[in-house]
Amino acid sequence: MDLNVGGGIVGLIILVLSIWAIIKIVQSGASTVAKVLWVLFILIVPVIGLIVWFFAGPRGGRT
């Protein structure tokens, strides 16, 4: 088994989760500045950003 396959799958999962999180952030009722900061945080530190966003990020739909 090639070790690069496992890394590729993990990378793909992180990419999909990041895209999903960014979509949820954009759809949230947070301010524009908060949305931009959350998206940048997820893009700069993807794994940590996703974990922090999951527990502390903006929730809910648009108001």
C-alpha atoms as a PDB file:
ATOM      1  CA  MET A   1       0.000   0.000   0.000  1.00  0.00           C
ATOM      2  CA  ASP A   2       1.305   3.408  -0.940  1.00  0.00           C
ATOM      3  CA  LEU A   3       1.456   5.817   2.008  1.00  0.00           C
ATOM      4  CA  ASN A   4       0.653   8.781  -0.248  1.00  0.00           C
ATOM      5  CA  VAL A   5      -2.849   7.394  -0.821  1.00  0.00           C
ATOM      6  CA  GLY A   6      -3.721   7.752   2.864  1.00  0.00           C
ATOM      7  CA  GLY A   7      -2.370  11.279   2.975  1.00  0.00           C
ATOM      8  CA  GLY A   8      -4.317  12.164  -0.141  1.00  0.00           C
ATOM      9  CA  ILE A   9      -7.549  10.880   1.352  1.00  0.00           C
ATOM     10  CA  VAL A  10      -6.975  12.827   4.578  1.00  0.00           C
ATOM     11  CA  GLY A  11      -6.187  15.951   2.557  1.00  0.00           C
ATOM     12  CA  LEU A  12      -9.347  15.494   0.507  1.00  0.00           C
ATOM     13  CA  ILE A  13     -11.448  15.105   3.667  1.00  0.00           C
ATOM     14  CA  ILE A  14      -9.936  18.276   5.144  1.00  0.00           C
ATOM     15  CA  LEU A  15     -10.613  20.132   1.872  1.00  0.00           C
ATOM     16  CA  VAL A  16     -14.246  18.998   1.781  1.00  0.00           C
ATOM     17  CA  LEU A  17     -14.787  19.906   5.441  1.00  0.00           C
ATOM     18  CA  SER A  18     -13.166  23.304   4.909  1.00  0.00           C
ATOM     19  CA  ILE A  19     -15.430  24.068   1.947  1.00  0.00           C
ATOM     20  CA  TRP A  20     -18.474  22.949   3.936  1.00  0.00           C
ATOM     21  CA  ALA A  21     -17.457  25.129   6.900  1.00  0.00           C
ATOM     22  CA  ILE A  22     -16.885  28.165   4.666  1.00  0.00           C
ATOM     23  CA  ILE A  23     -20.329  27.724   3.105  1.00  0.00           C
ATOM     24  CA  LYS A  24     -21.894  27.512   6.576  1.00  0.00           C
ATOM     25  CA  ILE A  25     -19.986  30.620   7.690  1.00  0.00           C
ATOM     26  CA  VAL A  26     -21.142  32.626   4.669  1.00  0.00           C
ATOM     27  CA  GLN A  27     -24.750  31.532   5.291  1.00  0.00           C
ATOM     28  CA  SER A  28     -24.609  32.451   8.986  1.00  0.00           C
ATOM     29  CA  GLY A  29     -26.035  35.590  10.494  1.00  0.00           C
ATOM     30  CA  ALA A  30     -22.630  36.844  11.662  1.00  0.00           C
ATOM     31  CA  SER A  31     -21.277  40.225  10.630  1.00  0.00           C
ATOM     32  CA  THR A  32     -19.260  40.513   7.449  1.00  0.00           C
ATOM     33  CA  VAL A  33     -16.059  41.140   9.400  1.00  0.00           C
ATOM     34  CA  ALA A  34     -16.626  38.049  11.537  1.00  0.00           C
ATOM     35  CA  LYS A  35     -17.317  35.956   8.437  1.00  0.00           C
ATOM     36  CA  VAL A  36     -14.105  37.131   6.767  1.00  0.00           C
ATOM     37  CA  LEU A  37     -12.060  36.444   9.890  1.00  0.00           C
ATOM     38  CA  TRP A  38     -13.510  32.939  10.286  1.00  0.00           C
ATOM     39  CA  VAL A  39     -12.887  32.091   6.628  1.00  0.00           C
ATOM     40  CA  LEU A  40      -9.302  33.359   6.836  1.00  0.00           C
ATOM     41  CA  PHE A  41      -8.737  31.382  10.024  1.00  0.00           C
ATOM     42  CA  ILE A  42      -9.952  28.173   8.382  1.00  0.00           C
ATOM     43  CA  LEU A  43      -7.853  28.805   5.279  1.00  0.00           C
ATOM     44  CA  ILE A  44      -4.656  29.612   7.207  1.00  0.00           C
ATOM     45  CA  VAL A  45      -4.851  26.783   9.770  1.00  0.00           C
ATOM     46  CA  PRO A  46      -7.322  24.272   8.299  1.00  0.00           C
ATOM     47  CA  VAL A  47      -7.409  21.507  10.919  1.00  0.00           C
ATOM     48  CA  ILE A  48      -7.260  23.737  13.997  1.00  0.00           C
ATOM     49  CA  GLY A  49      -9.543  26.259  12.328  1.00  0.00           C
ATOM     50  CA  LEU A  50     -12.170  23.612  11.637  1.00  0.00           C
ATOM     51  CA  ILE A  51     -12.060  22.354  15.209  1.00  0.00           C
ATOM     52  CA  VAL A  52     -12.329  25.839  16.715  1.00  0.00           C
ATOM     53  CA  TRP A  53     -15.088  26.810  14.251  1.00  0.00           C
ATOM     54  CA  PHE A  54     -17.052  23.662  15.096  1.00  0.00           C
ATOM     55  CA  PHE A  55     -17.151  24.582  18.790  1.00  0.00           C
ATOM     56  CA  ALA A  56     -17.145  28.402  18.703  1.00  0.00           C
ATOM     57  CA  GLY A  57     -18.099  29.520  15.204  1.00  0.00           C
ATOM     58  CA  PRO A  58     -21.181  31.405  14.075  1.00  0.00           C
ATOM     59  CA  ARG A  59     -24.397  29.411  14.013  1.00  0.00           C
ATOM     60  CA  GLY A  60     -27.810  29.749  12.445  1.00  0.00           C
ATOM     61  CA  GLY A  61     -29.165  31.106   9.211  1.00  0.00           C
ATOM     62  CA  ARG A  62     -29.411  34.632   7.915  1.00  0.00           C
ATOM     63  CA  THR A  63     -31.474  37.109   9.859  1.00  0.00           C
END
